[in-house]
Amino acid sequence: MASPSILLSDVQFRCCICQDVFCEPVSIPCGHSFCFTCITSHWDNSVAISCPKCHTVFEGHPELCENYFAKEMSEQIRGRRQNGTMSTAGKTIYCDVSGGRDPEEAGSSRTEGREAHHTAGAGNY
């Protein structure tokens, strides 16, 4: 059975404003995430309050929601860079979905008694 890890790229956890790994990532109503300081500074210096990625325009400053997943993954990326185990952008990282349990055991307990979960095309959203 395949390892219950999800392949992710550190590029997915980069702010499109500062081009660095997220620092205090927040999500805005359109679903995009940015560093808290980057998005607030961007809006402070803009005429329209809009998403820098999809250009959705908002009425006033929208609520910023802390993106806990991006925060956790960004901390892991920063930790790996500091430890010298990840030195360049674009490297693949692994998200452990086993909850700290043995990967083989975690994988089998999640699928027992259930039909196979098909994810074909899941990346095309």
N, C-alpha and C. Protein backbone atom coordinates (compact mmCIF):
# COMPACT_ATOMS: atom_id res chain seq x y z
N MET A 1 0.84 -1.18 0.00
CA MET A 1 0.00 0.00 0.00
C MET A 1 0.89 1.24 0.00
N ALA A 2 0.46 2.26 -0.67
CA ALA A 2 1.22 3.51 -0.74
C ALA A 2 1.24 4.19 0.62
N SER A 3 2.27 4.95 0.86
CA SER A 3 2.39 5.69 2.11
C SER A 3 1.28 6.72 2.22
N PRO A 4 0.71 6.92 3.42
CA PRO A 4 -0.38 7.88 3.57
C PRO A 4 0.13 9.31 3.69
N SER A 5 1.04 9.68 2.86
CA SER A 5 1.56 11.04 2.83
C SER A 5 1.06 11.71 1.56
N ILE A 6 0.84 12.99 1.65
CA ILE A 6 0.39 13.77 0.51
C ILE A 6 1.58 14.56 0.01
N LEU A 7 1.83 14.52 -1.29
CA LEU A 7 2.93 15.28 -1.86
C LEU A 7 2.49 16.73 -2.05
N LEU A 8 3.25 17.63 -1.50
CA LEU A 8 2.99 19.05 -1.62
C LEU A 8 4.28 19.74 -2.01
N SER A 9 4.17 20.85 -2.67
CA SER A 9 5.34 21.63 -3.04
C SER A 9 5.39 22.87 -2.16
N ASP A 10 6.60 23.29 -1.78
CA ASP A 10 6.70 24.49 -0.95
C ASP A 10 6.20 25.72 -1.69
N VAL A 11 6.12 25.65 -3.01
CA VAL A 11 5.60 26.77 -3.81
C VAL A 11 4.15 27.06 -3.44
N GLN A 12 3.41 26.03 -3.03
CA GLN A 12 2.01 26.20 -2.64
C GLN A 12 1.86 27.00 -1.36
N PHE A 13 2.94 27.19 -0.63
CA PHE A 13 2.89 27.90 0.64
C PHE A 13 3.70 29.18 0.59
N ARG A 14 3.72 29.80 -0.59
CA ARG A 14 4.40 31.08 -0.79
C ARG A 14 3.38 32.17 -1.02
N CYS A 15 3.62 33.30 -0.41
CA CYS A 15 2.78 34.48 -0.61
C CYS A 15 3.11 35.07 -1.97
N CYS A 16 2.10 35.37 -2.76
CA CYS A 16 2.36 35.93 -4.10
C CYS A 16 2.77 37.40 -4.03
N ILE A 17 2.67 38.02 -2.86
CA ILE A 17 3.08 39.41 -2.72
C ILE A 17 4.58 39.49 -2.42
N CYS A 18 5.03 38.79 -1.37
CA CYS A 18 6.45 38.86 -0.98
C CYS A 18 7.30 37.76 -1.61
N GLN A 19 6.65 36.75 -2.21
CA GLN A 19 7.33 35.62 -2.85
C GLN A 19 8.12 34.75 -1.87
N ASP A 20 7.77 34.82 -0.59
CA ASP A 20 8.44 33.99 0.41
C ASP A 20 7.40 33.06 1.03
N VAL A 21 7.88 32.09 1.82
CA VAL A 21 6.98 31.18 2.53
C VAL A 21 6.11 32.03 3.47
N PHE A 22 4.83 31.66 3.57
CA PHE A 22 3.90 32.43 4.39
C PHE A 22 4.44 32.71 5.79
N CYS A 23 4.15 33.90 6.26
CA CYS A 23 4.42 34.30 7.64
C CYS A 23 3.08 34.83 8.16
N GLU A 24 2.52 34.18 9.14
CA GLU A 24 1.19 34.51 9.67
C GLU A 24 0.16 34.51 8.53
N PRO A 25 -0.03 33.37 7.85
CA PRO A 25 -0.94 33.33 6.71
C PRO A 25 -2.41 33.53 7.10
N VAL A 26 -3.08 34.34 6.28
CA VAL A 26 -4.51 34.58 6.45
C VAL A 26 -5.20 34.36 5.11
N SER A 27 -6.46 33.95 5.18
CA SER A 27 -7.28 33.77 3.98
C SER A 27 -8.27 34.90 3.90
N ILE A 28 -8.58 35.30 2.67
CA ILE A 28 -9.58 36.33 2.44
C ILE A 28 -10.82 35.66 1.83
N PRO A 29 -11.96 36.35 1.76
CA PRO A 29 -13.20 35.70 1.34
C PRO A 29 -13.18 34.95 0.01
N CYS A 30 -12.33 35.34 -0.93
CA CYS A 30 -12.27 34.62 -2.22
C CYS A 30 -11.54 33.29 -2.08
N GLY A 31 -10.88 33.06 -0.93
CA GLY A 31 -10.20 31.79 -0.69
C GLY A 31 -8.70 31.83 -0.82
N HIS A 32 -8.14 32.92 -1.31
CA HIS A 32 -6.69 33.03 -1.45
C HIS A 32 -6.05 33.40 -0.12
N SER A 33 -4.80 33.00 0.05
CA SER A 33 -4.07 33.26 1.29
C SER A 33 -2.84 34.11 1.03
N PHE A 34 -2.49 34.91 2.04
CA PHE A 34 -1.35 35.82 1.98
C PHE A 34 -0.78 35.95 3.38
N CYS A 35 0.44 36.47 3.49
CA CYS A 35 0.98 36.84 4.79
C CYS A 35 0.11 37.98 5.33
N PHE A 36 -0.15 37.99 6.62
CA PHE A 36 -0.98 39.04 7.21
C PHE A 36 -0.43 40.42 6.88
N THR A 37 0.87 40.62 7.10
CA THR A 37 1.49 41.92 6.85
C THR A 37 1.43 42.29 5.38
N CYS A 38 1.62 41.34 4.50
CA CYS A 38 1.61 41.61 3.06
C CYS A 38 0.25 42.10 2.59
N ILE A 39 -0.82 41.39 2.97
CA ILE A 39 -2.14 41.77 2.47
C ILE A 39 -2.62 43.08 3.09
N THR A 40 -2.33 43.29 4.37
CA THR A 40 -2.76 44.56 4.98
C THR A 40 -1.98 45.73 4.40
N SER A 41 -0.69 45.57 4.15
CA SER A 41 0.11 46.63 3.52
C SER A 41 -0.35 46.88 2.09
N HIS A 42 -0.65 45.81 1.38
CA HIS A 42 -1.14 45.93 0.00
C HIS A 42 -2.42 46.77 -0.02
N TRP A 43 -3.34 46.45 0.87
CA TRP A 43 -4.61 47.19 0.91
C TRP A 43 -4.41 48.63 1.37
N ASP A 44 -3.48 48.86 2.30
CA ASP A 44 -3.21 50.22 2.77
C ASP A 44 -2.67 51.10 1.64
N ASN A 45 -2.02 50.49 0.66
CA ASN A 45 -1.42 51.24 -0.45
C ASN A 45 -2.21 51.12 -1.75
N SER A 46 -3.45 50.64 -1.68
CA SER A 46 -4.27 50.46 -2.88
C SER A 46 -5.52 51.33 -2.81
N VAL A 47 -5.99 51.72 -3.97
CA VAL A 47 -7.24 52.49 -4.04
C VAL A 47 -8.42 51.55 -3.78
N ALA A 48 -8.43 50.40 -4.46
CA ALA A 48 -9.50 49.42 -4.29
C ALA A 48 -9.01 48.28 -3.40
N ILE A 49 -9.90 47.78 -2.56
CA ILE A 49 -9.58 46.63 -1.72
C ILE A 49 -9.93 45.39 -2.54
N SER A 50 -8.90 44.74 -3.08
CA SER A 50 -9.13 43.59 -3.94
C SER A 50 -8.09 42.50 -3.67
N CYS A 51 -8.38 41.32 -4.20
CA CYS A 51 -7.45 40.19 -4.08
C CYS A 51 -6.35 40.37 -5.12
N PRO A 52 -5.09 40.33 -4.70
CA PRO A 52 -3.98 40.46 -5.65
C PRO A 52 -3.90 39.30 -6.65
N LYS A 53 -4.52 38.17 -6.35
CA LYS A 53 -4.46 37.01 -7.25
C LYS A 53 -5.61 36.99 -8.25
N CYS A 54 -6.85 37.08 -7.77
CA CYS A 54 -8.00 36.94 -8.68
C CYS A 54 -8.70 38.26 -8.95
N HIS A 55 -8.26 39.31 -8.28
CA HIS A 55 -8.77 40.67 -8.47
C HIS A 55 -10.23 40.87 -8.05
N THR A 56 -10.76 39.97 -7.21
CA THR A 56 -12.09 40.18 -6.65
C THR A 56 -12.05 41.44 -5.81
N VAL A 57 -13.01 42.34 -6.02
CA VAL A 57 -13.06 43.60 -5.28
C VAL A 57 -14.00 43.43 -4.10
N PHE A 58 -13.56 43.91 -2.93
CA PHE A 58 -14.35 43.81 -1.71
C PHE A 58 -14.82 45.20 -1.27
N GLU A 59 -15.97 45.24 -0.62
CA GLU A 59 -16.48 46.48 -0.04
C GLU A 59 -15.82 46.63 1.33
N GLY A 60 -14.96 47.57 1.50
CA GLY A 60 -14.25 47.73 2.78
C GLY A 60 -13.26 46.60 3.00
N HIS A 61 -12.64 46.60 4.16
CA HIS A 61 -11.67 45.55 4.49
C HIS A 61 -12.41 44.29 4.91
N PRO A 62 -12.25 43.19 4.16
CA PRO A 62 -12.93 41.95 4.55
C PRO A 62 -12.27 41.32 5.77
N GLU A 63 -13.00 40.41 6.37
CA GLU A 63 -12.48 39.68 7.53
C GLU A 63 -11.33 38.78 7.08
N LEU A 64 -10.26 38.79 7.84
CA LEU A 64 -9.11 37.92 7.58
C LEU A 64 -9.20 36.73 8.52
N CYS A 65 -9.11 35.54 7.96
CA CYS A 65 -9.17 34.32 8.77
C CYS A 65 -7.81 33.65 8.77
N GLU A 66 -7.32 33.32 9.96
CA GLU A 66 -6.03 32.64 10.04
C GLU A 66 -6.12 31.31 9.31
N ASN A 67 -5.15 31.04 8.45
CA ASN A 67 -5.10 29.80 7.69
C ASN A 67 -4.18 28.84 8.46
N TYR A 68 -4.79 28.01 9.30
CA TYR A 68 -4.02 27.13 10.19
C TYR A 68 -3.19 26.10 9.42
N PHE A 69 -3.75 25.55 8.35
CA PHE A 69 -3.01 24.55 7.57
C PHE A 69 -1.78 25.18 6.92
N ALA A 70 -1.96 26.34 6.28
CA ALA A 70 -0.82 27.02 5.65
C ALA A 70 0.21 27.41 6.70
N LYS A 71 -0.26 27.80 7.88
CA LYS A 71 0.67 28.18 8.95
C LYS A 71 1.52 26.99 9.37
N GLU A 72 0.87 25.86 9.59
CA GLU A 72 1.59 24.66 10.02
C GLU A 72 2.59 24.19 8.96
N MET A 73 2.16 24.17 7.71
CA MET A 73 3.05 23.74 6.64
C MET A 73 4.20 24.72 6.44
N SER A 74 3.92 26.01 6.55
CA SER A 74 4.97 27.03 6.40
C SER A 74 6.01 26.90 7.51
N GLU A 75 5.55 26.61 8.73
CA GLU A 75 6.48 26.41 9.84
C GLU A 75 7.36 25.19 9.58
N GLN A 76 6.78 24.13 9.02
CA GLN A 76 7.58 22.94 8.69
C GLN A 76 8.62 23.26 7.62
N ILE A 77 8.23 24.02 6.62
CA ILE A 77 9.16 24.40 5.55
C ILE A 77 10.29 25.24 6.11
N ARG A 78 9.96 26.22 6.93
CA ARG A 78 10.99 27.07 7.54
C ARG A 78 11.92 26.24 8.42
N GLY A 79 11.37 25.30 9.17
CA GLY A 79 12.18 24.43 10.02
C GLY A 79 13.13 23.58 9.20
N ARG A 80 12.64 23.05 8.09
CA ARG A 80 13.50 22.23 7.23
C ARG A 80 14.61 23.06 6.60
N ARG A 81 14.28 24.28 6.24
CA ARG A 81 15.30 25.17 5.67
C ARG A 81 16.37 25.49 6.71
N GLN A 82 15.95 25.74 7.94
CA GLN A 82 16.91 26.05 9.01
C GLN A 82 17.78 24.85 9.33
N ASN A 83 17.22 23.66 9.24
CA ASN A 83 17.97 22.43 9.51
C ASN A 83 18.82 21.99 8.33
N GLY A 84 18.69 22.68 7.20
CA GLY A 84 19.47 22.34 6.03
C GLY A 84 18.93 21.17 5.24
N THR A 85 17.70 20.71 5.56
CA THR A 85 17.15 19.57 4.82
C THR A 85 16.33 20.02 3.63
N MET A 86 16.15 21.31 3.46
CA MET A 86 15.41 21.83 2.31
C MET A 86 15.99 23.19 1.99
N SER A 87 16.80 23.27 0.96
CA SER A 87 17.51 24.51 0.70
C SER A 87 17.01 25.31 -0.48
N THR A 88 16.24 24.69 -1.38
CA THR A 88 15.81 25.44 -2.55
C THR A 88 14.30 25.37 -2.72
N ALA A 89 13.76 26.37 -3.40
CA ALA A 89 12.32 26.43 -3.65
C ALA A 89 11.93 25.35 -4.65
N GLY A 90 10.68 24.96 -4.60
CA GLY A 90 10.16 23.99 -5.55
C GLY A 90 10.35 22.55 -5.13
N LYS A 91 10.94 22.32 -3.98
CA LYS A 91 11.14 20.96 -3.50
C LYS A 91 9.80 20.38 -3.07
N THR A 92 9.68 19.07 -3.17
CA THR A 92 8.48 18.39 -2.72
C THR A 92 8.60 18.13 -1.23
N ILE A 93 7.50 18.37 -0.51
CA ILE A 93 7.47 18.08 0.92
C ILE A 93 6.35 17.08 1.17
N TYR A 94 6.39 16.44 2.30
CA TYR A 94 5.41 15.43 2.62
C TYR A 94 4.57 15.87 3.80
N CYS A 95 3.27 15.75 3.63
CA CYS A 95 2.33 16.08 4.69
C CYS A 95 1.90 14.77 5.31
N ASP A 96 2.26 14.53 6.55
CA ASP A 96 1.95 13.29 7.22
C ASP A 96 0.49 13.30 7.65
N VAL A 97 -0.31 12.43 7.09
CA VAL A 97 -1.72 12.36 7.43
C VAL A 97 -2.01 11.19 8.38
N SER A 98 -0.96 10.63 8.96
CA SER A 98 -1.16 9.48 9.83
C SER A 98 -1.44 9.87 11.27
N GLY A 99 -1.35 11.16 11.58
CA GLY A 99 -1.61 11.60 12.95
C GLY A 99 -0.58 11.08 13.93
N GLY A 100 0.64 10.85 13.47
CA GLY A 100 1.70 10.39 14.35
C GLY A 100 1.74 8.88 14.51
N ARG A 101 0.78 8.17 13.92
CA ARG A 101 0.76 6.71 14.02
C ARG A 101 1.64 6.09 12.95
N ASP A 102 1.89 4.81 13.08
CA ASP A 102 2.64 4.09 12.06
C ASP A 102 1.93 4.26 10.73
N PRO A 103 2.63 4.70 9.66
CA PRO A 103 1.99 4.95 8.38
C PRO A 103 1.19 3.78 7.82
N GLU A 104 1.73 2.56 7.91
CA GLU A 104 1.01 1.40 7.38
C GLU A 104 -0.26 1.16 8.18
N GLU A 105 -0.17 1.28 9.50
CA GLU A 105 -1.33 1.07 10.36
C GLU A 105 -2.37 2.16 10.12
N ALA A 106 -1.93 3.39 10.01
CA ALA A 106 -2.86 4.50 9.80
C ALA A 106 -3.57 4.36 8.47
N GLY A 107 -2.83 3.94 7.44
CA GLY A 107 -3.43 3.78 6.12
C GLY A 107 -4.49 2.70 6.10
N SER A 108 -4.24 1.58 6.78
CA SER A 108 -5.20 0.49 6.75
C SER A 108 -6.42 0.81 7.60
N SER A 109 -6.26 1.51 8.72
CA SER A 109 -7.40 1.80 9.58
C SER A 109 -8.34 2.81 8.93
N ARG A 110 -7.82 3.67 8.07
CA ARG A 110 -8.66 4.67 7.40
C ARG A 110 -9.50 4.05 6.29
N THR A 111 -9.05 2.94 5.72
CA THR A 111 -9.73 2.39 4.55
C THR A 111 -10.54 1.14 4.85
N GLU A 112 -10.44 0.59 6.05
CA GLU A 112 -11.17 -0.63 6.36
C GLU A 112 -12.67 -0.39 6.26
N GLY A 113 -13.37 -1.28 5.56
CA GLY A 113 -14.81 -1.21 5.48
C GLY A 113 -15.35 -0.10 4.58
N ARG A 114 -14.48 0.55 3.83
CA ARG A 114 -14.94 1.61 2.94
C ARG A 114 -14.52 1.29 1.52
N GLU A 115 -15.28 1.81 0.57
CA GLU A 115 -14.91 1.63 -0.83
C GLU A 115 -13.73 2.53 -1.13
N ALA A 116 -13.03 2.21 -2.18
CA ALA A 116 -11.87 3.02 -2.58
C ALA A 116 -12.31 4.45 -2.87
N HIS A 117 -11.50 5.37 -2.48
CA HIS A 117 -11.76 6.79 -2.71
C HIS A 117 -11.00 7.20 -3.95
N HIS A 118 -11.71 7.55 -4.99
CA HIS A 118 -11.08 7.93 -6.25
C HIS A 118 -10.82 9.42 -6.26
N THR A 119 -9.61 9.81 -6.62
CA THR A 119 -9.25 11.23 -6.64
C THR A 119 -8.79 11.68 -8.01
N ALA A 120 -9.14 10.97 -9.04
CA ALA A 120 -8.73 11.36 -10.39
C ALA A 120 -9.23 12.76 -10.69
N GLY A 121 -8.32 13.60 -11.12
CA GLY A 121 -8.68 14.97 -11.46
C GLY A 121 -8.81 15.89 -10.28
N ALA A 122 -8.46 15.43 -9.08
CA ALA A 122 -8.61 16.26 -7.89
C ALA A 122 -7.75 17.50 -7.96
N GLY A 123 -6.66 17.46 -8.69
CA GLY A 123 -5.78 18.62 -8.78
C GLY A 123 -6.24 19.66 -9.79
N ASN A 124 -7.33 19.42 -10.46
CA ASN A 124 -7.78 20.33 -11.51
C ASN A 124 -8.91 21.23 -11.03
N TYR A 125 -8.78 21.80 -9.88
CA TYR A 125 -9.84 22.67 -9.36
C TYR A 125 -9.53 24.11 -9.54
